[in-house]
Amino acid sequence: AGFDWDALSPVLDKLQEEIEEVMAEVNAPDPSQAAIEDEIGD
């Protein structure tokens, strides 16, 4: 339907962003297992 990136670079950037969000949840002062699971899914 056209909802897609047309290059690989933003795909890699998004993956890196999602990994960073996982680590942000893991290193949070009060880590939430549900939030970590959600970010791992992403």
Full PDB file with SEQRES, HELIX, SHEET, SSBOND, CRYST1, ORIGX, SCALE, CONECT and MASTER records, all heavy atoms in Angstrom:
SEQRES   1 A   42  ALA GLY PHE ASP TRP ASP ALA LEU SER PRO VAL LEU ASP          
SEQRES   2 A   42  LYS LEU GLN GLU GLU ILE GLU GLU VAL MET ALA GLU VAL          
SEQRES   3 A   42  ASN ALA PRO ASP PRO SER GLN ALA ALA ILE GLU ASP GLU          
SEQRES   4 A   42  ILE GLY ASP                                                  
HELIX    1 AA1 SER A    9  VAL A   26  1                                  18    
HELIX    2 AA2 GLN A   33  GLY A   41  1                                   9    
CRYST1    1.000    1.000    1.000  90.00  90.00  90.00 P 1           1          
ORIGX1      1.000000  0.000000  0.000000        0.00000                         
ORIGX2      0.000000  1.000000  0.000000        0.00000                         
ORIGX3      0.000000  0.000000  1.000000        0.00000                         
SCALE1      1.000000  0.000000  0.000000        0.00000                         
SCALE2      0.000000  1.000000  0.000000        0.00000                         
SCALE3      0.000000  0.000000  1.000000        0.00000                         
ATOM      1  N   ALA A   1       0.825  -1.213   0.000  1.00  0.00           N  
ATOM      2  CA  ALA A   1       0.000   0.000   0.000  1.00  0.00           C  
ATOM      3  C   ALA A   1       0.859   1.264   0.000  1.00  0.00           C  
ATOM      4  O   ALA A   1       0.336   2.373   0.033  1.00  0.00           O  
ATOM      5  CB  ALA A   1      -0.921  -0.002   1.212  1.00  0.00           C  
ATOM      6  N   GLY A   2       2.186   1.084  -0.026  1.00  0.00           N  
ATOM      7  CA  GLY A   2       3.076   2.236  -0.084  1.00  0.00           C  
ATOM      8  C   GLY A   2       3.608   2.706   1.251  1.00  0.00           C  
ATOM      9  O   GLY A   2       4.361   3.677   1.310  1.00  0.00           O  
ATOM     10  N   PHE A   3       3.200   2.042   2.348  1.00  0.00           N  
ATOM     11  CA  PHE A   3       3.668   2.441   3.677  1.00  0.00           C  
ATOM     12  C   PHE A   3       4.930   1.648   3.996  1.00  0.00           C  
ATOM     13  O   PHE A   3       4.902   0.619   4.665  1.00  0.00           O  
ATOM     14  CB  PHE A   3       2.577   2.177   4.714  1.00  0.00           C  
ATOM     15  CG  PHE A   3       2.909   2.694   6.094  1.00  0.00           C  
ATOM     16  CD1 PHE A   3       2.987   4.054   6.340  1.00  0.00           C  
ATOM     17  CD2 PHE A   3       3.140   1.820   7.149  1.00  0.00           C  
ATOM     18  CE1 PHE A   3       3.292   4.534   7.606  1.00  0.00           C  
ATOM     19  CE2 PHE A   3       3.445   2.281   8.424  1.00  0.00           C  
ATOM     20  CZ  PHE A   3       3.526   3.652   8.636  1.00  0.00           C  
ATOM     21  N   ASP A   4       6.057   2.128   3.485  1.00  0.00           N  
ATOM     22  CA  ASP A   4       7.306   1.402   3.643  1.00  0.00           C  
ATOM     23  C   ASP A   4       8.469   2.326   3.296  1.00  0.00           C  
ATOM     24  O   ASP A   4       8.328   3.249   2.489  1.00  0.00           O  
ATOM     25  CB  ASP A   4       7.326   0.183   2.716  1.00  0.00           C  
ATOM     26  CG  ASP A   4       8.416  -0.813   3.066  1.00  0.00           C  
ATOM     27  OD1 ASP A   4       8.949  -0.746   4.183  1.00  0.00           O  
ATOM     28  OD2 ASP A   4       8.722  -1.667   2.208  1.00  0.00           O  
ATOM     29  N   TRP A   5       9.613   2.095   3.914  1.00  0.00           N  
ATOM     30  CA  TRP A   5      10.808   2.842   3.552  1.00  0.00           C  
ATOM     31  C   TRP A   5      11.341   2.323   2.225  1.00  0.00           C  
ATOM     32  O   TRP A   5      11.283   1.125   1.937  1.00  0.00           O  
ATOM     33  CB  TRP A   5      11.884   2.697   4.631  1.00  0.00           C  
ATOM     34  CG  TRP A   5      11.647   3.563   5.831  1.00  0.00           C  
ATOM     35  CD1 TRP A   5      11.539   4.923   5.847  1.00  0.00           C  
ATOM     36  CD2 TRP A   5      11.493   3.131   7.197  1.00  0.00           C  
ATOM     37  NE1 TRP A   5      11.326   5.366   7.144  1.00  0.00           N  
ATOM     38  CE2 TRP A   5      11.302   4.293   7.989  1.00  0.00           C  
ATOM     39  CE3 TRP A   5      11.511   1.894   7.823  1.00  0.00           C  
ATOM     40  CZ2 TRP A   5      11.120   4.246   9.355  1.00  0.00           C  
ATOM     41  CZ3 TRP A   5      11.337   1.835   9.189  1.00  0.00           C  
ATOM     42  CH2 TRP A   5      11.140   3.002   9.947  1.00  0.00           C  
ATOM     43  N   ASP A   6      11.887   3.224   1.435  1.00  0.00           N  
ATOM     44  CA  ASP A   6      12.407   2.828   0.125  1.00  0.00           C  
ATOM     45  C   ASP A   6      13.925   2.685   0.129  1.00  0.00           C  
ATOM     46  O   ASP A   6      14.557   2.570  -0.917  1.00  0.00           O  
ATOM     47  CB  ASP A   6      11.977   3.828  -0.960  1.00  0.00           C  
ATOM     48  CG  ASP A   6      12.401   5.256  -0.648  1.00  0.00           C  
ATOM     49  OD1 ASP A   6      13.113   5.446   0.355  1.00  0.00           O  
ATOM     50  OD2 ASP A   6      12.005   6.164  -1.395  1.00  0.00           O  
ATOM     51  N   ALA A   7      14.521   2.721   1.330  1.00  0.00           N  
ATOM     52  CA  ALA A   7      15.967   2.541   1.458  1.00  0.00           C  
ATOM     53  C   ALA A   7      16.260   1.767   2.732  1.00  0.00           C  
ATOM     54  O   ALA A   7      15.410   1.663   3.631  1.00  0.00           O  
ATOM     55  CB  ALA A   7      16.677   3.898   1.485  1.00  0.00           C  
ATOM     56  N   LEU A   8      17.460   1.205   2.826  1.00  0.00           N  
ATOM     57  CA  LEU A   8      17.819   0.374   3.973  1.00  0.00           C  
ATOM     58  C   LEU A   8      18.224   1.203   5.184  1.00  0.00           C  
ATOM     59  O   LEU A   8      18.011   0.784   6.335  1.00  0.00           O  
ATOM     60  CB  LEU A   8      18.958  -0.564   3.570  1.00  0.00           C  
ATOM     61  CG  LEU A   8      19.312  -1.686   4.547  1.00  0.00           C  
ATOM     62  CD1 LEU A   8      18.113  -2.585   4.804  1.00  0.00           C  
ATOM     63  CD2 LEU A   8      20.476  -2.501   3.999  1.00  0.00           C  
ATOM     64  N   SER A   9      18.782   2.378   4.962  1.00  0.00           N  
ATOM     65  CA  SER A   9      19.312   3.201   6.057  1.00  0.00           C  
ATOM     66  C   SER A   9      18.292   3.496   7.155  1.00  0.00           C  
ATOM     67  O   SER A   9      18.580   3.285   8.336  1.00  0.00           O  
ATOM     68  CB  SER A   9      19.888   4.511   5.496  1.00  0.00           C  
ATOM     69  OG  SER A   9      20.373   5.328   6.531  1.00  0.00           O  
ATOM     70  N   PRO A  10      17.076   3.974   6.834  1.00  0.00           N  
ATOM     71  CA  PRO A  10      16.113   4.239   7.909  1.00  0.00           C  
ATOM     72  C   PRO A  10      15.651   2.977   8.634  1.00  0.00           C  
ATOM     73  O   PRO A  10      15.272   3.034   9.804  1.00  0.00           O  
ATOM     74  CB  PRO A  10      14.952   4.914   7.180  1.00  0.00           C  
ATOM     75  CG  PRO A  10      15.095   4.554   5.755  1.00  0.00           C  
ATOM     76  CD  PRO A  10      16.564   4.416   5.520  1.00  0.00           C  
ATOM     77  N   VAL A  11      15.697   1.844   7.953  1.00  0.00           N  
ATOM     78  CA  VAL A  11      15.347   0.570   8.586  1.00  0.00           C  
ATOM     79  C   VAL A  11      16.371   0.247   9.676  1.00  0.00           C  
ATOM     80  O   VAL A  11      16.013  -0.139  10.796  1.00  0.00           O  
ATOM     81  CB  VAL A  11      15.305  -0.576   7.548  1.00  0.00           C  
ATOM     82  CG1 VAL A  11      15.000  -1.906   8.230  1.00  0.00           C  
ATOM     83  CG2 VAL A  11      14.277  -0.283   6.471  1.00  0.00           C  
ATOM     84  N   LEU A  12      17.639   0.432   9.363  1.00  0.00           N  
ATOM     85  CA  LEU A  12      18.700   0.194  10.337  1.00  0.00           C  
ATOM     86  C   LEU A  12      18.644   1.202  11.482  1.00  0.00           C  
ATOM     87  O   LEU A  12      18.853   0.850  12.651  1.00  0.00           O  
ATOM     88  CB  LEU A  12      20.059   0.277   9.644  1.00  0.00           C  
ATOM     89  CG  LEU A  12      20.355  -0.848   8.640  1.00  0.00           C  
ATOM     90  CD1 LEU A  12      21.601  -0.517   7.826  1.00  0.00           C  
ATOM     91  CD2 LEU A  12      20.520  -2.177   9.351  1.00  0.00           C  
ATOM     92  N   ASP A  13      18.343   2.464  11.133  1.00  0.00           N  
ATOM     93  CA  ASP A  13      18.220   3.494  12.171  1.00  0.00           C  
ATOM     94  C   ASP A  13      17.101   3.154  13.146  1.00  0.00           C  
ATOM     95  O   ASP A  13      17.244   3.335  14.368  1.00  0.00           O  
ATOM     96  CB  ASP A  13      17.945   4.862  11.527  1.00  0.00           C  
ATOM     97  CG  ASP A  13      19.146   5.385  10.753  1.00  0.00           C  
ATOM     98  OD1 ASP A  13      20.260   4.883  10.990  1.00  0.00           O  
ATOM     99  OD2 ASP A  13      18.960   6.283   9.902  1.00  0.00           O  
ATOM    100  N   LYS A  14      15.978   2.651  12.610  1.00  0.00           N  
ATOM    101  CA  LYS A  14      14.840   2.299  13.460  1.00  0.00           C  
ATOM    102  C   LYS A  14      15.200   1.142  14.384  1.00  0.00           C  
ATOM    103  O   LYS A  14      14.829   1.140  15.567  1.00  0.00           O  
ATOM    104  CB  LYS A  14      13.639   1.918  12.586  1.00  0.00           C  
ATOM    105  CG  LYS A  14      12.371   1.637  13.368  1.00  0.00           C  
ATOM    106  CD  LYS A  14      11.899   2.865  14.139  1.00  0.00           C  
ATOM    107  CE  LYS A  14      10.596   2.600  14.863  1.00  0.00           C  
ATOM    108  NZ  LYS A  14      10.189   3.749  15.714  1.00  0.00           N  
ATOM    109  N   LEU A  15      15.926   0.163  13.864  1.00  0.00           N  
ATOM    110  CA  LEU A  15      16.346  -0.974  14.683  1.00  0.00           C  
ATOM    111  C   LEU A  15      17.242  -0.505  15.821  1.00  0.00           C  
ATOM    112  O   LEU A  15      17.067  -0.923  16.978  1.00  0.00           O  
ATOM    113  CB  LEU A  15      17.073  -2.001  13.817  1.00  0.00           C  
ATOM    114  CG  LEU A  15      17.669  -3.212  14.541  1.00  0.00           C  
ATOM    115  CD1 LEU A  15      16.609  -3.954  15.341  1.00  0.00           C  
ATOM    116  CD2 LEU A  15      18.348  -4.148  13.544  1.00  0.00           C  
ATOM    117  N   GLN A  16      18.192   0.380  15.521  1.00  0.00           N  
ATOM    118  CA  GLN A  16      19.080   0.900  16.547  1.00  0.00           C  
ATOM    119  C   GLN A  16      18.299   1.691  17.598  1.00  0.00           C  
ATOM    120  O   GLN A  16      18.554   1.577  18.804  1.00  0.00           O  
ATOM    121  CB  GLN A  16      20.146   1.802  15.912  1.00  0.00           C  
ATOM    122  CG  GLN A  16      21.175   2.333  16.892  1.00  0.00           C  
ATOM    123  CD  GLN A  16      21.928   1.236  17.614  1.00  0.00           C  
ATOM    124  OE1 GLN A  16      22.330   0.243  17.000  1.00  0.00           O  
ATOM    125  NE2 GLN A  16      22.130   1.388  18.916  1.00  0.00           N  
ATOM    126  N   GLU A  17      17.317   2.447  17.135  1.00  0.00           N  
ATOM    127  CA  GLU A  17      16.462   3.224  18.052  1.00  0.00           C  
ATOM    128  C   GLU A  17      15.716   2.300  19.003  1.00  0.00           C  
ATOM    129  O   GLU A  17      15.627   2.575  20.211  1.00  0.00           O  
ATOM    130  CB  GLU A  17      15.477   4.059  17.227  1.00  0.00           C  
ATOM    131  CG  GLU A  17      14.464   4.840  18.048  1.00  0.00           C  
ATOM    132  CD  GLU A  17      13.385   5.473  17.185  1.00  0.00           C  
ATOM    133  OE1 GLU A  17      13.706   5.903  16.059  1.00  0.00           O  
ATOM    134  OE2 GLU A  17      12.215   5.516  17.633  1.00  0.00           O  
ATOM    135  N   GLU A  18      15.186   1.216  18.476  1.00  0.00           N  
ATOM    136  CA  GLU A  18      14.419   0.281  19.303  1.00  0.00           C  
ATOM    137  C   GLU A  18      15.329  -0.409  20.329  1.00  0.00           C  
ATOM    138  O   GLU A  18      14.927  -0.651  21.472  1.00  0.00           O  
ATOM    139  CB  GLU A  18      13.719  -0.757  18.429  1.00  0.00           C  
ATOM    140  CG  GLU A  18      12.690  -0.207  17.449  1.00  0.00           C  
ATOM    141  CD  GLU A  18      11.511   0.466  18.135  1.00  0.00           C  
ATOM    142  OE1 GLU A  18      11.411   0.438  19.381  1.00  0.00           O  
ATOM    143  OE2 GLU A  18      10.669   1.037  17.416  1.00  0.00           O  
ATOM    144  N   ILE A  19      16.557  -0.731  19.943  1.00  0.00           N  
ATOM    145  CA  ILE A  19      17.499  -1.358  20.873  1.00  0.00           C  
ATOM    146  C   ILE A  19      17.824  -0.397  22.011  1.00  0.00           C  
ATOM    147  O   ILE A  19      17.882  -0.788  23.189  1.00  0.00           O  
ATOM    148  CB  ILE A  19      18.787  -1.776  20.127  1.00  0.00           C  
ATOM    149  CG1 ILE A  19      18.487  -2.917  19.153  1.00  0.00           C  
ATOM    150  CG2 ILE A  19      19.864  -2.214  21.128  1.00  0.00           C  
ATOM    151  CD1 ILE A  19      19.653  -3.291  18.262  1.00  0.00           C  
ATOM    152  N   GLU A  20      18.026   0.865  21.667  1.00  0.00           N  
ATOM    153  CA  GLU A  20      18.309   1.875  22.687  1.00  0.00           C  
ATOM    154  C   GLU A  20      17.140   2.031  23.656  1.00  0.00           C  
ATOM    155  O   GLU A  20      17.335   2.244  24.862  1.00  0.00           O  
ATOM    156  CB  GLU A  20      18.632   3.209  22.019  1.00  0.00           C  
ATOM    157  CG  GLU A  20      19.975   3.200  21.274  1.00  0.00           C  
ATOM    158  CD  GLU A  20      20.194   4.455  20.452  1.00  0.00           C  
ATOM    159  OE1 GLU A  20      19.297   5.333  20.448  1.00  0.00           O  
ATOM    160  OE2 GLU A  20      21.259   4.560  19.807  1.00  0.00           O  
ATOM    161  N   GLU A  21      15.918   1.899  23.146  1.00  0.00           N  
ATOM    162  CA  GLU A  21      14.736   2.011  24.011  1.00  0.00           C  
ATOM    163  C   GLU A  21      14.649   0.822  24.964  1.00  0.00           C  
ATOM    164  O   GLU A  21      14.179   0.958  26.098  1.00  0.00           O  
ATOM    165  CB  GLU A  21      13.481   2.142  23.158  1.00  0.00           C  
ATOM    166  CG  GLU A  21      13.392   3.489  22.435  1.00  0.00           C  
ATOM    167  CD  GLU A  21      12.142   3.627  21.590  1.00  0.00           C  
ATOM    168  OE1 GLU A  21      11.302   2.688  21.617  1.00  0.00           O  
ATOM    169  OE2 GLU A  21      11.999   4.655  20.905  1.00  0.00           O  
ATOM    170  N   VAL A  22      15.082  -0.345  24.495  1.00  0.00           N  
ATOM    171  CA  VAL A  22      15.127  -1.516  25.381  1.00  0.00           C  
ATOM    172  C   VAL A  22      16.078  -1.237  26.540  1.00  0.00           C  
ATOM    173  O   VAL A  22      15.745  -1.442  27.718  1.00  0.00           O  
ATOM    174  CB  VAL A  22      15.592  -2.777  24.619  1.00  0.00           C  
ATOM    175  CG1 VAL A  22      15.888  -3.912  25.613  1.00  0.00           C  
ATOM    176  CG2 VAL A  22      14.537  -3.233  23.643  1.00  0.00           C  
ATOM    177  N   MET A  23      17.269  -0.757  26.218  1.00  0.00           N  
ATOM    178  CA  MET A  23      18.273  -0.511  27.244  1.00  0.00           C  
ATOM    179  C   MET A  23      17.836   0.600  28.200  1.00  0.00           C  
ATOM    180  O   MET A  23      18.159   0.562  29.394  1.00  0.00           O  
ATOM    181  CB  MET A  23      19.610  -0.155  26.594  1.00  0.00           C  
ATOM    182  CG  MET A  23      20.202  -1.289  25.760  1.00  0.00           C  
ATOM    183  SD  MET A  23      20.146  -2.905  26.587  1.00  0.00           S  
ATOM    184  CE  MET A  23      21.133  -2.581  28.048  1.00  0.00           C  
ATOM    185  N   ALA A  24      17.090   1.572  27.677  1.00  0.00           N  
ATOM    186  CA  ALA A  24      16.588   2.643  28.543  1.00  0.00           C  
ATOM    187  C   ALA A  24      15.630   2.071  29.585  1.00  0.00           C  
ATOM    188  O   ALA A  24      15.648   2.468  30.763  1.00  0.00           O  
ATOM    189  CB  ALA A  24      15.896   3.704  27.705  1.00  0.00           C  
ATOM    190  N   GLU A  25      14.790   1.129  29.172  1.00  0.00           N  
ATOM    191  CA  GLU A  25      13.845   0.498  30.108  1.00  0.00           C  
ATOM    192  C   GLU A  25      14.593  -0.414  31.088  1.00  0.00           C  
ATOM    193  O   GLU A  25      14.265  -0.462  32.275  1.00  0.00           O  
ATOM    194  CB  GLU A  25      12.794  -0.300  29.341  1.00  0.00           C  
ATOM    195  CG  GLU A  25      11.801   0.537  28.550  1.00  0.00           C  
ATOM    196  CD  GLU A  25      10.936   1.412  29.441  1.00  0.00           C  
ATOM    197  OE1 GLU A  25      10.818   1.117  30.651  1.00  0.00           O  
ATOM    198  OE2 GLU A  25      10.371   2.401  28.927  1.00  0.00           O  
ATOM    199  N   VAL A  26      15.591  -1.153  30.583  1.00  0.00           N  
ATOM    200  CA  VAL A  26      16.366  -2.059  31.443  1.00  0.00           C  
ATOM    201  C   VAL A  26      17.117  -1.283  32.521  1.00  0.00           C  
ATOM    202  O   VAL A  26      17.209  -1.704  33.679  1.00  0.00           O  
ATOM    203  CB  VAL A  26      17.355  -2.884  30.597  1.00  0.00           C  
ATOM    204  CG1 VAL A  26      18.331  -3.653  31.499  1.00  0.00           C  
ATOM    205  CG2 VAL A  26      16.608  -3.863  29.696  1.00  0.00           C  
ATOM    206  N   ASN A  27      17.636  -0.111  32.148  1.00  0.00           N  
ATOM    207  CA  ASN A  27      18.437   0.701  33.070  1.00  0.00           C  
ATOM    208  C   ASN A  27      17.629   1.736  33.839  1.00  0.00           C  
ATOM    209  O   ASN A  27      18.214   2.579  34.552  1.00  0.00           O  
ATOM    210  CB  ASN A  27      19.563   1.404  32.299  1.00  0.00           C  
ATOM    211  CG  ASN A  27      20.546   0.408  31.690  1.00  0.00           C  
ATOM    212  OD1 ASN A  27      20.869  -0.599  32.314  1.00  0.00           O  
ATOM    213  ND2 ASN A  27      21.010   0.686  30.480  1.00  0.00           N  
ATOM    214  N   ALA A  28      16.314   1.698  33.716  1.00  0.00           N  
ATOM    215  CA  ALA A  28      15.462   2.653  34.429  1.00  0.00           C  
ATOM    216  C   ALA A  28      15.585   2.434  35.937  1.00  0.00           C  
ATOM    217  O   ALA A  28      15.867   1.315  36.388  1.00  0.00           O  
ATOM    218  CB  ALA A  28      14.010   2.492  33.984  1.00  0.00           C  
ATOM    219  N   PRO A  29      15.389   3.490  36.742  1.00  0.00           N  
ATOM    220  CA  PRO A  29      15.480   3.351  38.203  1.00  0.00           C  
ATOM    221  C   PRO A  29      14.559   2.276  38.757  1.00  0.00           C  
ATOM    222  O   PRO A  29      14.906   1.565  39.706  1.00  0.00           O  
ATOM    223  CB  PRO A  29      15.067   4.746  38.696  1.00  0.00           C  
ATOM    224  CG  PRO A  29      15.404   5.653  37.561  1.00  0.00           C  
ATOM    225  CD  PRO A  29      15.129   4.874  36.322  1.00  0.00           C  
ATOM    226  N   ASP A  30      13.390   2.157  38.153  1.00  0.00           N  
ATOM    227  CA  ASP A  30      12.431   1.139  38.587  1.00  0.00           C  
ATOM    228  C   ASP A  30      11.956   0.380  37.341  1.00  0.00           C  
ATOM    229  O   ASP A  30      10.876   0.649  36.813  1.00  0.00           O  
ATOM    230  CB  ASP A  30      11.246   1.797  39.307  1.00  0.00           C  
ATOM    231  CG  ASP A  30      10.286   0.769  39.892  1.00  0.00           C  
ATOM    232  OD1 ASP A  30      10.698  -0.409  40.043  1.00  0.00           O  
ATOM    233  OD2 ASP A  30       9.125   1.138  40.160  1.00  0.00           O  
ATOM    234  N   PRO A  31      12.765  -0.570  36.852  1.00  0.00           N  
ATOM    235  CA  PRO A  31      12.448  -1.256  35.588  1.00  0.00           C  
ATOM    236  C   PRO A  31      11.086  -1.944  35.610  1.00  0.00           C  
ATOM    237  O   PRO A  31      10.716  -2.578  36.597  1.00  0.00           O  
ATOM    238  CB  PRO A  31      13.579  -2.288  35.453  1.00  0.00           C  
ATOM    239  CG  PRO A  31      14.672  -1.776  36.328  1.00  0.00           C  
ATOM    240  CD  PRO A  31      13.985  -1.087  37.468  1.00  0.00           C  
ATOM    241  N   SER A  32      10.354  -1.793  34.521  1.00  0.00           N  
ATOM    242  CA  SER A  32       9.059  -2.452  34.361  1.00  0.00           C  
ATOM    243  C   SER A  32       9.219  -3.619  33.391  1.00  0.00           C  
ATOM    244  O   SER A  32       9.619  -3.416  32.239  1.00  0.00           O  
ATOM    245  CB  SER A  32       8.022  -1.468  33.820  1.00  0.00           C  
ATOM    246  OG  SER A  32       6.887  -2.144  33.317  1.00  0.00           O  
ATOM    247  N   GLN A  33       8.901  -4.819  33.868  1.00  0.00           N  
ATOM    248  CA  GLN A  33       9.043  -5.988  33.007  1.00  0.00           C  
ATOM    249  C   GLN A  33       8.116  -5.894  31.804  1.00  0.00           C  
ATOM    250  O   GLN A  33       8.474  -6.305  30.691  1.00  0.00           O  
ATOM    251  CB  GLN A  33       8.742  -7.269  33.807  1.00  0.00           C  
ATOM    252  CG  GLN A  33       9.169  -8.550  33.106  1.00  0.00           C  
ATOM    253  CD  GLN A  33      10.677  -8.615  32.871  1.00  0.00           C  
ATOM    254  OE1 GLN A  33      11.459  -8.066  33.641  1.00  0.00           O  
ATOM    255  NE2 GLN A  33      11.085  -9.273  31.799  1.00  0.00           N  
ATOM    256  N   ALA A  34       6.919  -5.348  32.011  1.00  0.00           N  
ATOM    257  CA  ALA A  34       5.969  -5.196  30.909  1.00  0.00           C  
ATOM    258  C   ALA A  34       6.516  -4.238  29.857  1.00  0.00           C  
ATOM    259  O   ALA A  34       6.376  -4.476  28.646  1.00  0.00           O  
ATOM    260  CB  ALA A  34       4.631  -4.696  31.438  1.00  0.00           C  
ATOM    261  N   ALA A  35       7.144  -3.149  30.315  1.00  0.00           N  
ATOM    262  CA  ALA A  35       7.705  -2.168  29.382  1.00  0.00           C  
ATOM    263  C   ALA A  35       8.893  -2.767  28.621  1.00  0.00           C  
ATOM    264  O   ALA A  35       9.051  -2.531  27.419  1.00  0.00           O  
ATOM    265  CB  ALA A  35       8.143  -0.920  30.138  1.00  0.00           C  
ATOM    266  N   ILE A  36       9.709  -3.554  29.307  1.00  0.00           N  
ATOM    267  CA  ILE A  36      10.846  -4.203  28.651  1.00  0.00           C  
ATOM    268  C   ILE A  36      10.351  -5.173  27.582  1.00  0.00           C  
ATOM    269  O   ILE A  36      10.875  -5.215  26.464  1.00  0.00           O  
ATOM    270  CB  ILE A  36      11.721  -4.940  29.686  1.00  0.00           C  
ATOM    271  CG1 ILE A  36      12.386  -3.939  30.631  1.00  0.00           C  
ATOM    272  CG2 ILE A  36      12.777  -5.792  28.987  1.00  0.00           C  
ATOM    273  CD1 ILE A  36      13.123  -4.584  31.793  1.00  0.00           C  
ATOM    274  N   GLU A  37       9.325  -5.938  27.938  1.00  0.00           N  
ATOM    275  CA  GLU A  37       8.740  -6.879  26.974  1.00  0.00           C  
ATOM    276  C   GLU A  37       8.214  -6.142  25.746  1.00  0.00           C  
ATOM    277  O   GLU A  37       8.406  -6.580  24.602  1.00  0.00           O  
ATOM    278  CB  GLU A  37       7.607  -7.675  27.629  1.00  0.00           C  
ATOM    279  CG  GLU A  37       6.943  -8.660  26.677  1.00  0.00           C  
ATOM    280  CD  GLU A  37       5.763  -9.387  27.315  1.00  0.00           C  
ATOM    281  OE1 GLU A  37       5.361  -8.999  28.427  1.00  0.00           O  
ATOM    282  OE2 GLU A  37       5.246 -10.324  26.696  1.00  0.00           O  
ATOM    283  N   ASP A  38       7.576  -5.024  25.971  1.00  0.00           N  
ATOM    284  CA  ASP A  38       7.014  -4.232  24.884  1.00  0.00           C  
ATOM    285  C   ASP A  38       8.123  -3.752  23.937  1.00  0.00           C  
ATOM    286  O   ASP A  38       7.993  -3.833  22.706  1.00  0.00           O  
ATOM    287  CB  ASP A  38       6.261  -3.036  25.455  1.00  0.00           C  
ATOM    288  CG  ASP A  38       5.530  -2.241  24.385  1.00  0.00           C  
ATOM    289  OD1 ASP A  38       4.642  -2.824  23.731  1.00  0.00           O  
ATOM    290  OD2 ASP A  38       5.854  -1.053  24.185  1.00  0.00           O  
ATOM    291  N   GLU A  39       9.220  -3.278  24.512  1.00  0.00           N  
ATOM    292  CA  GLU A  39      10.329  -2.778  23.695  1.00  0.00           C  
ATOM    293  C   GLU A  39      11.061  -3.908  22.976  1.00  0.00           C  
ATOM    294  O   GLU A  39      11.498  -3.746  21.833  1.00  0.00           O  
ATOM    295  CB  GLU A  39      11.315  -1.986  24.569  1.00  0.00           C  
ATOM    296  CG  GLU A  39      10.742  -0.734  25.207  1.00  0.00           C  
ATOM    297  CD  GLU A  39      10.238   0.285  24.187  1.00  0.00           C  
ATOM    298  OE1 GLU A  39      10.603   0.182  22.990  1.00  0.00           O  
ATOM    299  OE2 GLU A  39       9.466   1.178  24.572  1.00  0.00           O  
ATOM    300  N   ILE A  40      11.179  -5.063  23.628  1.00  0.00           N  
ATOM    301  CA  ILE A  40      11.777  -6.227  22.975  1.00  0.00           C  
ATOM    302  C   ILE A  40      10.939  -6.617  21.755  1.00  0.00           C  
ATOM    303  O   ILE A  40      11.470  -6.968  20.687  1.00  0.00           O  
ATOM    304  CB  ILE A  40      11.888  -7.421  23.951  1.00  0.00           C  
ATOM    305  CG1 ILE A  40      12.989  -7.166  24.987  1.00  0.00           C  
ATOM    306  CG2 ILE A  40      12.167  -8.716  23.196  1.00  0.00           C  
ATOM    307  CD1 ILE A  40      14.400  -7.240  24.444  1.00  0.00           C  
ATOM    308  N   GLY A  41       9.625  -6.561  21.906  1.00  0.00           N  
ATOM    309  CA  GLY A  41       8.725  -6.852  20.782  1.00  0.00           C  
ATOM    310  C   GLY A  41       8.984  -5.917  19.611  1.00  0.00           C  
ATOM    311  O   GLY A  41       8.991  -6.337  18.442  1.00  0.00           O  
ATOM    312  N   ASP A  42       9.220  -4.627  19.918  1.00  0.00           N  
ATOM    313  CA  ASP A  42       9.514  -3.651  18.862  1.00  0.00           C  
ATOM    314  C   ASP A  42      10.827  -3.978  18.162  1.00  0.00           C  
ATOM    315  O   ASP A  42      10.954  -3.810  16.943  1.00  0.00           O  
ATOM    316  CB  ASP A  42       9.574  -2.238  19.454  1.00  0.00           C  
ATOM    317  CG  ASP A  42       8.208  -1.717  19.887  1.00  0.00           C  
ATOM    318  OD1 ASP A  42       7.195  -2.307  19.463  1.00  0.00           O  
ATOM    319  OD2 ASP A  42       8.160  -0.740  20.654  1.00  0.00           O  
TER     320      ASP A  42                                                      
MASTER        0    0    0    2    0    0    0    6  319    1    0    4          
END                                                                             
